[in-house]
């Protein structure tokens, strides 16, 4: 099944048969000269080689362009999906707040209803937490308007407690590093 390689040789009998045998129209043997049909074939090979290089370069450019388009589309699709998920979570936060208020109202009591509300609230928050929801804990930290909204100020005597969050009135949430809902806080102000 091996391929046999045959060597093909050309002799241009119009000019020279060998170095010792010249035709009458040639002054001296010209062994460097190639037959005209070989020159034509070599020219075609060079042209085809150049065209092939151009096709390969164009193909590589098209592949790179397709990769850029694919990455951009994936990024846009990811951003759209993240935005839709953030909207869904934002719509579910009032339900989470309602469960928290129900548990606050039932403070000091126990029973299957209170335990059921606690379990539902825990499973709802855990499902959202697994997908990136974080609570914002501001108490005792400097006020940051990126994650908290000041709804009140309380006078403080200590300079170290100036512009520090003293109390969190409503929880804040962050999703994917950006604030989904600002925490409602009371901030200390030096009198």
Foldseek 3Di string as FASTA:
>chain_A
DDDDDDDDDDDDPVADRDQVGGDPVDPGDDPVDDDPVVVVVVVVVVVVVVVVVVVVVVVVVVVVVVVVVVVVVVVVVVVVVLVVVLVVVLVCVVVLVVLVVVLVVCPPHDDDVSVVSVVVSVVVVVVVVVQFKDKDDQAQHADDPQAADEPEEDEDADPVQARGFHAFPAIWMDGPRGTSGHTYTYGYHHD
